[in-house]
Amino acid sequence: MKRILITMLIGTMLLSLTACGGRETTDGASPSSEVTGSEEVTREPESEAIDTEEPVSEAEEETTEETGATESHTLVVYFSWSGNTEQVAEAIRARTDADVFEIIPAEAYTDDYNTLLDIAKQEKQEGARPAIAGSIDNIDQYDVIYVGYPNWWSDMPMILYTFFDDYDLSGKTIAPFCTSGGSGLVNTVNSIREAEPDAEVAEGLHINGSAASDPDQAVGEWLDHLNLAE
């Protein structure tokens, strides 16, 4: 009987040791073998924004100033109420690479055509000089000035007389251009000569208002005829 009990106890002990050994093997597995996937990947910090504007050295800065774009010696000055004269001015600018100054009234004109007729007539009768918003600070640098305007009551708008009163264009070449419904330049070229007696006033260009939307050919022929290119 004692032998049977001893044998049973030894068997029980062996079974217990085997079970404990199995659990130790499972729990003691390397942690790294269970860590998978991208969640554990360490992200490198994002780089800072790179400033691509490199500083200019003193030598490079001097070179830039010496080889920079030269100042234009040609200017287009225009006043436009309906937009017709503006389109002609733009065609001249495109062909001459001139600077542009738009004559803008300090007090805007009405958008109503019939009312404008009355205002323009009254300004002419009174010899008015409507004020211009803005000014040309570097007028001396220009040798050739194209001056554009519509025909109002067979004359330039009075704000053009303001322009000629404000600026001495002596020694410069003035090339007038005008848009109208058919009246042409009338006496405006002579009026400019009287306003600027010491300037050379070239032959003017007239473009009918209906043709102002496509003035390139007329402008090109006129510019070729004047031959004022630098």
C-alpha atoms as a PDB file:
ATOM      1  CA  MET A   1       0.000   0.000   0.000  1.00  0.00           C
ATOM      2  CA  LYS A   2       2.812   2.421   0.921  1.00  0.00           C
ATOM      3  CA  ARG A   3       4.494   1.727  -2.412  1.00  0.00           C
ATOM      4  CA  ILE A   4       1.282   2.534  -4.273  1.00  0.00           C
ATOM      5  CA  LEU A   5       0.896   5.848  -2.422  1.00  0.00           C
ATOM      6  CA  ILE A   6       4.510   6.805  -3.037  1.00  0.00           C
ATOM      7  CA  THR A   7       4.157   5.999  -6.727  1.00  0.00           C
ATOM      8  CA  MET A   8       1.008   8.153  -6.999  1.00  0.00           C
ATOM      9  CA  LEU A   9       2.714  11.075  -5.207  1.00  0.00           C
ATOM     10  CA  ILE A  10       5.733  10.905  -7.500  1.00  0.00           C
ATOM     11  CA  GLY A  11       3.448  10.913 -10.577  1.00  0.00           C
ATOM     12  CA  THR A  12       1.524  13.880  -9.289  1.00  0.00           C
ATOM     13  CA  MET A  13       4.742  15.845  -8.673  1.00  0.00           C
ATOM     14  CA  LEU A  14       6.029  15.074 -12.168  1.00  0.00           C
ATOM     15  CA  LEU A  15       2.779  16.282 -13.764  1.00  0.00           C
ATOM     16  CA  SER A  16       2.940  19.519 -11.725  1.00  0.00           C
ATOM     17  CA  LEU A  17       6.528  20.235 -12.804  1.00  0.00           C
ATOM     18  CA  THR A  18       5.684  19.646 -16.470  1.00  0.00           C
ATOM     19  CA  ALA A  19       2.747  22.081 -16.323  1.00  0.00           C
ATOM     20  CA  CYS A  20       4.837  24.803 -14.642  1.00  0.00           C
ATOM     21  CA  GLY A  21       7.574  24.432 -17.224  1.00  0.00           C
ATOM     22  CA  GLY A  22       5.078  24.922 -20.045  1.00  0.00           C
ATOM     23  CA  ARG A  23       3.701  28.139 -18.602  1.00  0.00           C
ATOM     24  CA  GLU A  24       7.182  29.588 -18.072  1.00  0.00           C
ATOM     25  CA  THR A  25       8.100  29.008 -21.691  1.00  0.00           C
ATOM     26  CA  THR A  26       5.012  30.905 -22.947  1.00  0.00           C
ATOM     27  CA  ASP A  27       5.289  33.868 -20.576  1.00  0.00           C
ATOM     28  CA  GLY A  28       8.999  34.197 -21.069  1.00  0.00           C
ATOM     29  CA  ALA A  29       8.879  34.810 -24.818  1.00  0.00           C
ATOM     30  CA  SER A  30      10.945  37.811 -26.084  1.00  0.00           C
ATOM     31  CA  PRO A  31       8.825  41.021 -26.136  1.00  0.00           C
ATOM     32  CA  SER A  32      10.259  42.005 -29.506  1.00  0.00           C
ATOM     33  CA  SER A  33       8.740  38.967 -31.137  1.00  0.00           C
ATOM     34  CA  GLU A  34       5.239  40.237 -30.354  1.00  0.00           C
ATOM     35  CA  VAL A  35       5.693  43.929 -31.391  1.00  0.00           C
ATOM     36  CA  THR A  36       4.725  44.284 -35.043  1.00  0.00           C
ATOM     37  CA  GLY A  37       3.291  46.886 -37.414  1.00  0.00           C
ATOM     38  CA  SER A  38       4.059  50.543 -38.149  1.00  0.00           C
ATOM     39  CA  GLU A  39       2.569  51.946 -34.964  1.00  0.00           C
ATOM     40  CA  GLU A  40       5.850  51.397 -33.171  1.00  0.00           C
ATOM     41  CA  VAL A  41       8.021  53.059 -35.824  1.00  0.00           C
ATOM     42  CA  THR A  42       9.585  56.266 -34.511  1.00  0.00           C
ATOM     43  CA  ARG A  43       8.834  59.237 -36.788  1.00  0.00           C
ATOM     44  CA  GLU A  44      11.592  61.678 -37.508  1.00  0.00           C
ATOM     45  CA  PRO A  45      10.603  65.322 -36.843  1.00  0.00           C
ATOM     46  CA  GLU A  46       9.488  67.255 -39.924  1.00  0.00           C
ATOM     47  CA  SER A  47      12.180  69.556 -41.309  1.00  0.00           C
ATOM     48  CA  GLU A  48      11.676  73.310 -41.015  1.00  0.00           C
ATOM     49  CA  ALA A  49      10.598  75.348 -44.051  1.00  0.00           C
ATOM     50  CA  ILE A  50      13.562  76.246 -46.218  1.00  0.00           C
ATOM     51  CA  ASP A  51      14.036  79.906 -47.173  1.00  0.00           C
ATOM     52  CA  THR A  52      14.925  79.796 -50.857  1.00  0.00           C
ATOM     53  CA  GLU A  53      15.684  83.539 -51.130  1.00  0.00           C
ATOM     54  CA  GLU A  54      19.445  83.697 -51.036  1.00  0.00           C
ATOM     55  CA  PRO A  55      21.088  86.885 -49.759  1.00  0.00           C
ATOM     56  CA  VAL A  56      22.681  89.032 -52.436  1.00  0.00           C
ATOM     57  CA  SER A  57      26.321  89.867 -51.879  1.00  0.00           C
ATOM     58  CA  GLU A  58      27.493  93.451 -52.203  1.00  0.00           C
ATOM     59  CA  ALA A  59      29.164  92.685 -55.537  1.00  0.00           C
ATOM     60  CA  GLU A  60      26.025  91.032 -56.901  1.00  0.00           C
ATOM     61  CA  GLU A  61      23.884  93.919 -55.663  1.00  0.00           C
ATOM     62  CA  GLU A  62      26.026  96.455 -57.512  1.00  0.00           C
ATOM     63  CA  THR A  63      25.809  94.391 -60.712  1.00  0.00           C
ATOM     64  CA  THR A  64      22.021  94.182 -60.400  1.00  0.00           C
ATOM     65  CA  GLU A  65      21.713  97.937 -60.123  1.00  0.00           C
ATOM     66  CA  GLU A  66      24.023  98.599 -63.074  1.00  0.00           C
ATOM     67  CA  THR A  67      22.353  96.115 -65.415  1.00  0.00           C
ATOM     68  CA  GLY A  68      18.757  96.775 -64.349  1.00  0.00           C
ATOM     69  CA  ALA A  69      16.004  97.840 -66.747  1.00  0.00           C
ATOM     70  CA  THR A  70      16.509 101.314 -68.171  1.00  0.00           C
ATOM     71  CA  GLU A  71      13.892 104.018 -67.697  1.00  0.00           C
ATOM     72  CA  SER A  72      11.469 104.537 -70.558  1.00  0.00           C
ATOM     73  CA  HIS A  73      11.759 107.815 -72.471  1.00  0.00           C
ATOM     74  CA  THR A  74       8.287 107.480 -73.977  1.00  0.00           C
ATOM     75  CA  LEU A  75       5.008 108.227 -72.229  1.00  0.00           C
ATOM     76  CA  VAL A  76       1.371 107.736 -73.206  1.00  0.00           C
ATOM     77  CA  VAL A  77      -0.993 110.214 -71.552  1.00  0.00           C
ATOM     78  CA  TYR A  78      -4.706 109.861 -72.157  1.00  0.00           C
ATOM     79  CA  PHE A  79      -8.169 110.769 -70.960  1.00  0.00           C
ATOM     80  CA  SER A  80     -11.011 108.387 -71.762  1.00  0.00           C
ATOM     81  CA  TRP A  81     -14.660 108.603 -70.779  1.00  0.00           C
ATOM     82  CA  SER A  82     -16.233 105.749 -72.773  1.00  0.00           C
ATOM     83  CA  GLY A  83     -13.125 103.546 -73.057  1.00  0.00           C
ATOM     84  CA  ASN A  84     -12.460 104.162 -76.764  1.00  0.00           C
ATOM     85  CA  THR A  85      -9.434 106.377 -76.226  1.00  0.00           C
ATOM     86  CA  GLU A  86      -8.120 103.965 -73.622  1.00  0.00           C
ATOM     87  CA  GLN A  87      -8.066 101.130 -76.172  1.00  0.00           C
ATOM     88  CA  VAL A  88      -6.063 103.242 -78.610  1.00  0.00           C
ATOM     89  CA  ALA A  89      -3.681 104.241 -75.815  1.00  0.00           C
ATOM     90  CA  GLU A  90      -3.133 100.593 -74.967  1.00  0.00           C
ATOM     91  CA  ALA A  91      -2.354  99.785 -78.619  1.00  0.00           C
ATOM     92  CA  ILE A  92       0.279 102.542 -78.644  1.00  0.00           C
ATOM     93  CA  ARG A  93       1.755 101.353 -75.358  1.00  0.00           C
ATOM     94  CA  ALA A  94       2.007  97.781 -76.637  1.00  0.00           C
ATOM     95  CA  ARG A  95       3.960  98.881 -79.704  1.00  0.00           C
ATOM     96  CA  THR A  96       6.227 101.438 -78.032  1.00  0.00           C
ATOM     97  CA  ASP A  97       6.733  99.874 -74.590  1.00  0.00           C
ATOM     98  CA  ALA A  98       5.931 103.299 -73.176  1.00  0.00           C
ATOM     99  CA  ASP A  99       4.936 104.242 -69.658  1.00  0.00           C
ATOM    100  CA  VAL A 100       1.291 105.234 -69.219  1.00  0.00           C
ATOM    101  CA  PHE A 101      -0.461 107.976 -67.295  1.00  0.00           C
ATOM    102  CA  GLU A 102      -4.255 108.108 -67.326  1.00  0.00           C
ATOM    103  CA  ILE A 103      -5.800 111.511 -66.764  1.00  0.00           C
ATOM    104  CA  ILE A 104      -8.469 110.907 -64.144  1.00  0.00           C
ATOM    105  CA  PRO A 105     -10.674 113.773 -62.982  1.00  0.00           C
ATOM    106  CA  ALA A 106     -10.469 114.528 -59.284  1.00  0.00           C
ATOM    107  CA  GLU A 107     -14.257 114.799 -59.466  1.00  0.00           C
ATOM    108  CA  ALA A 108     -15.605 112.000 -61.645  1.00  0.00           C
ATOM    109  CA  TYR A 109     -17.813 112.806 -64.616  1.00  0.00           C
ATOM    110  CA  THR A 110     -21.322 111.463 -64.828  1.00  0.00           C
ATOM    111  CA  ASP A 111     -21.995 108.132 -66.538  1.00  0.00           C
ATOM    112  CA  ASP A 112     -25.020 109.562 -68.334  1.00  0.00           C
ATOM    113  CA  TYR A 113     -24.157 110.661 -71.865  1.00  0.00           C
ATOM    114  CA  ASN A 114     -26.784 113.392 -72.206  1.00  0.00           C
ATOM    115  CA  THR A 115     -25.834 114.906 -68.874  1.00  0.00           C
ATOM    116  CA  LEU A 116     -22.179 114.745 -69.881  1.00  0.00           C
ATOM    117  CA  LEU A 117     -22.932 116.753 -73.037  1.00  0.00           C
ATOM    118  CA  ASP A 118     -24.272 119.591 -70.917  1.00  0.00           C
ATOM    119  CA  ILE A 119     -21.319 119.461 -68.510  1.00  0.00           C
ATOM    120  CA  ALA A 120     -18.753 119.417 -71.318  1.00  0.00           C
ATOM    121  CA  LYS A 121     -20.451 122.336 -73.075  1.00  0.00           C
ATOM    122  CA  GLN A 122     -20.528 124.377 -69.889  1.00  0.00           C
ATOM    123  CA  GLU A 123     -16.861 123.651 -69.125  1.00  0.00           C
ATOM    124  CA  LYS A 124     -15.878 124.796 -72.609  1.00  0.00           C
ATOM    125  CA  GLN A 125     -17.891 127.995 -72.389  1.00  0.00           C
ATOM    126  CA  GLU A 126     -16.355 128.813 -69.015  1.00  0.00           C
ATOM    127  CA  GLY A 127     -12.815 127.804 -69.986  1.00  0.00           C
ATOM    128  CA  ALA A 128     -12.832 125.474 -66.985  1.00  0.00           C
ATOM    129  CA  ARG A 129      -9.760 123.626 -65.756  1.00  0.00           C
ATOM    130  CA  PRO A 130     -11.025 120.460 -64.028  1.00  0.00           C
ATOM    131  CA  ALA A 131      -8.545 119.121 -61.487  1.00  0.00           C
ATOM    132  CA  ILE A 132      -6.590 115.952 -62.226  1.00  0.00           C
ATOM    133  CA  ALA A 133      -6.215 113.204 -59.644  1.00  0.00           C
ATOM    134  CA  GLY A 134      -2.552 112.201 -59.425  1.00  0.00           C
ATOM    135  CA  SER A 135       0.502 113.636 -61.116  1.00  0.00           C
ATOM    136  CA  ILE A 136       3.587 112.759 -63.142  1.00  0.00           C
ATOM    137  CA  ASP A 137       6.626 113.197 -60.912  1.00  0.00           C
ATOM    138  CA  ASN A 138       9.271 112.341 -63.514  1.00  0.00           C
ATOM    139  CA  ILE A 139       8.024 114.193 -66.576  1.00  0.00           C
ATOM    140  CA  ASP A 140      11.567 115.377 -67.395  1.00  0.00           C
ATOM    141  CA  GLN A 141      12.719 111.865 -68.315  1.00  0.00           C
ATOM    142  CA  TYR A 142      10.355 111.616 -71.299  1.00  0.00           C
ATOM    143  CA  ASP A 143      11.321 112.753 -74.774  1.00  0.00           C
ATOM    144  CA  VAL A 144       8.198 111.593 -76.630  1.00  0.00           C
ATOM    145  CA  ILE A 145       4.700 111.967 -75.194  1.00  0.00           C
ATOM    146  CA  TYR A 146       1.622 110.556 -76.921  1.00  0.00           C
ATOM    147  CA  VAL A 147      -1.470 112.472 -75.776  1.00  0.00           C
ATOM    148  CA  GLY A 148      -4.933 111.003 -76.324  1.00  0.00           C
ATOM    149  CA  TYR A 149      -8.447 112.366 -75.839  1.00  0.00           C
ATOM    150  CA  PRO A 150     -12.011 112.191 -77.202  1.00  0.00           C
ATOM    151  CA  ASN A 151     -13.527 114.994 -79.230  1.00  0.00           C
ATOM    152  CA  TRP A 152     -15.971 117.009 -77.104  1.00  0.00           C
ATOM    153  CA  TRP A 153     -17.785 119.837 -78.814  1.00  0.00           C
ATOM    154  CA  SER A 154     -15.122 120.030 -81.578  1.00  0.00           C
ATOM    155  CA  ASP A 155     -12.375 120.432 -79.002  1.00  0.00           C
ATOM    156  CA  MET A 156     -10.329 118.545 -76.443  1.00  0.00           C
ATOM    157  CA  PRO A 157     -12.033 118.006 -73.093  1.00  0.00           C
ATOM    158  CA  MET A 158     -11.075 120.912 -70.845  1.00  0.00           C
ATOM    159  CA  ILE A 159      -9.208 118.585 -68.510  1.00  0.00           C
ATOM    160  CA  LEU A 160      -6.598 118.247 -71.283  1.00  0.00           C
ATOM    161  CA  TYR A 161      -5.985 121.973 -70.993  1.00  0.00           C
ATOM    162  CA  THR A 162      -5.414 121.389 -67.292  1.00  0.00           C
ATOM    163  CA  PHE A 163      -2.736 118.865 -68.222  1.00  0.00           C
ATOM    164  CA  PHE A 164      -0.945 121.264 -70.564  1.00  0.00           C
ATOM    165  CA  ASP A 165      -1.175 124.050 -67.980  1.00  0.00           C
ATOM    166  CA  ASP A 166       0.369 121.793 -65.328  1.00  0.00           C
ATOM    167  CA  TYR A 167       3.351 120.527 -67.327  1.00  0.00           C
ATOM    168  CA  ASP A 168       6.002 122.317 -69.336  1.00  0.00           C
ATOM    169  CA  LEU A 169       6.724 120.053 -72.297  1.00  0.00           C
ATOM    170  CA  SER A 170       9.327 122.300 -73.905  1.00  0.00           C
ATOM    171  CA  GLY A 171      11.819 120.407 -76.058  1.00  0.00           C
ATOM    172  CA  LYS A 172       9.675 117.281 -76.156  1.00  0.00           C
ATOM    173  CA  THR A 173       7.797 115.715 -79.049  1.00  0.00           C
ATOM    174  CA  ILE A 174       4.028 115.513 -78.568  1.00  0.00           C
ATOM    175  CA  ALA A 175       2.034 113.099 -80.734  1.00  0.00           C
ATOM    176  CA  PRO A 176      -1.734 113.659 -80.375  1.00  0.00           C
ATOM    177  CA  PHE A 177      -4.365 110.980 -80.960  1.00  0.00           C
ATOM    178  CA  CYS A 178      -8.106 111.420 -80.838  1.00  0.00           C
ATOM    179  CA  THR A 179     -11.301 109.353 -80.985  1.00  0.00           C
ATOM    180  CA  SER A 180     -14.676 110.654 -82.078  1.00  0.00           C
ATOM    181  CA  GLY A 181     -17.836 109.763 -83.943  1.00  0.00           C
ATOM    182  CA  GLY A 182     -16.511 111.372 -87.111  1.00  0.00           C
ATOM    183  CA  SER A 183     -15.495 114.971 -86.358  1.00  0.00           C
ATOM    184  CA  GLY A 184     -11.799 114.133 -86.436  1.00  0.00           C
ATOM    185  CA  LEU A 185      -9.027 116.129 -84.806  1.00  0.00           C
ATOM    186  CA  VAL A 186     -10.572 119.467 -85.883  1.00  0.00           C
ATOM    187  CA  ASN A 187      -8.351 122.228 -84.439  1.00  0.00           C
ATOM    188  CA  THR A 188      -6.986 120.305 -81.448  1.00  0.00           C
ATOM    189  CA  VAL A 189      -3.461 119.892 -82.848  1.00  0.00           C
ATOM    190  CA  ASN A 190      -3.117 123.659 -83.213  1.00  0.00           C
ATOM    191  CA  SER A 191      -4.520 124.101 -79.710  1.00  0.00           C
ATOM    192  CA  ILE A 192      -1.751 121.851 -78.376  1.00  0.00           C
ATOM    193  CA  ARG A 193       0.860 123.852 -80.288  1.00  0.00           C
ATOM    194  CA  GLU A 194      -0.469 127.018 -78.681  1.00  0.00           C
ATOM    195  CA  ALA A 195      -0.453 125.419 -75.233  1.00  0.00           C
ATOM    196  CA  GLU A 196       3.097 124.059 -75.660  1.00  0.00           C
ATOM    197  CA  PRO A 197       4.839 126.505 -78.038  1.00  0.00           C
ATOM    198  CA  ASP A 198       8.328 125.164 -77.334  1.00  0.00           C
ATOM    199  CA  ALA A 199       7.448 121.550 -78.019  1.00  0.00           C
ATOM    200  CA  GLU A 200       7.401 119.779 -81.369  1.00  0.00           C
ATOM    201  CA  VAL A 201       3.852 118.641 -82.102  1.00  0.00           C
ATOM    202  CA  ALA A 202       3.682 115.777 -84.580  1.00  0.00           C
ATOM    203  CA  GLU A 203       0.913 114.847 -86.994  1.00  0.00           C
ATOM    204  CA  GLY A 204      -2.072 113.567 -85.069  1.00  0.00           C
ATOM    205  CA  LEU A 205      -4.058 110.355 -85.376  1.00  0.00           C
ATOM    206  CA  HIS A 206      -7.850 110.208 -85.472  1.00  0.00           C
ATOM    207  CA  ILE A 207      -9.745 106.952 -85.022  1.00  0.00           C
ATOM    208  CA  ASN A 208     -13.477 106.708 -85.408  1.00  0.00           C
ATOM    209  CA  GLY A 209     -15.161 105.477 -82.258  1.00  0.00           C
ATOM    210  CA  SER A 210     -16.549 102.414 -84.034  1.00  0.00           C
ATOM    211  CA  ALA A 211     -13.008 101.347 -84.999  1.00  0.00           C
ATOM    212  CA  ALA A 212     -11.482 101.961 -81.575  1.00  0.00           C
ATOM    213  CA  SER A 213     -12.073  98.377 -80.484  1.00  0.00           C
ATOM    214  CA  ASP A 214      -9.487  97.199 -83.028  1.00  0.00           C
ATOM    215  CA  PRO A 215      -7.043 100.075 -83.598  1.00  0.00           C
ATOM    216  CA  ASP A 216      -3.843  98.054 -84.080  1.00  0.00           C
ATOM    217  CA  GLN A 217      -3.462  98.520 -87.822  1.00  0.00           C
ATOM    218  CA  ALA A 218      -4.188 102.251 -87.787  1.00  0.00           C
ATOM    219  CA  VAL A 219      -1.892 102.756 -84.806  1.00  0.00           C
ATOM    220  CA  GLY A 220       0.879 100.742 -86.439  1.00  0.00           C
ATOM    221  CA  GLU A 221       0.726 102.723 -89.681  1.00  0.00           C
ATOM    222  CA  TRP A 222       0.701 106.014 -87.771  1.00  0.00           C
ATOM    223  CA  LEU A 223       3.688 105.068 -85.625  1.00  0.00           C
ATOM    224  CA  ASP A 224       5.630 103.908 -88.680  1.00  0.00           C
ATOM    225  CA  HIS A 225       4.881 107.213 -90.380  1.00  0.00           C
ATOM    226  CA  LEU A 226       5.993 109.264 -87.375  1.00  0.00           C
ATOM    227  CA  ASN A 227       9.119 107.151 -86.882  1.00  0.00           C
ATOM    228  CA  LEU A 228       9.605 108.323 -83.307  1.00  0.00           C
ATOM    229  CA  ALA A 229      11.019 105.037 -82.034  1.00  0.00           C
ATOM    230  CA  GLU A 230      14.176 105.376 -79.938  1.00  0.00           C
END
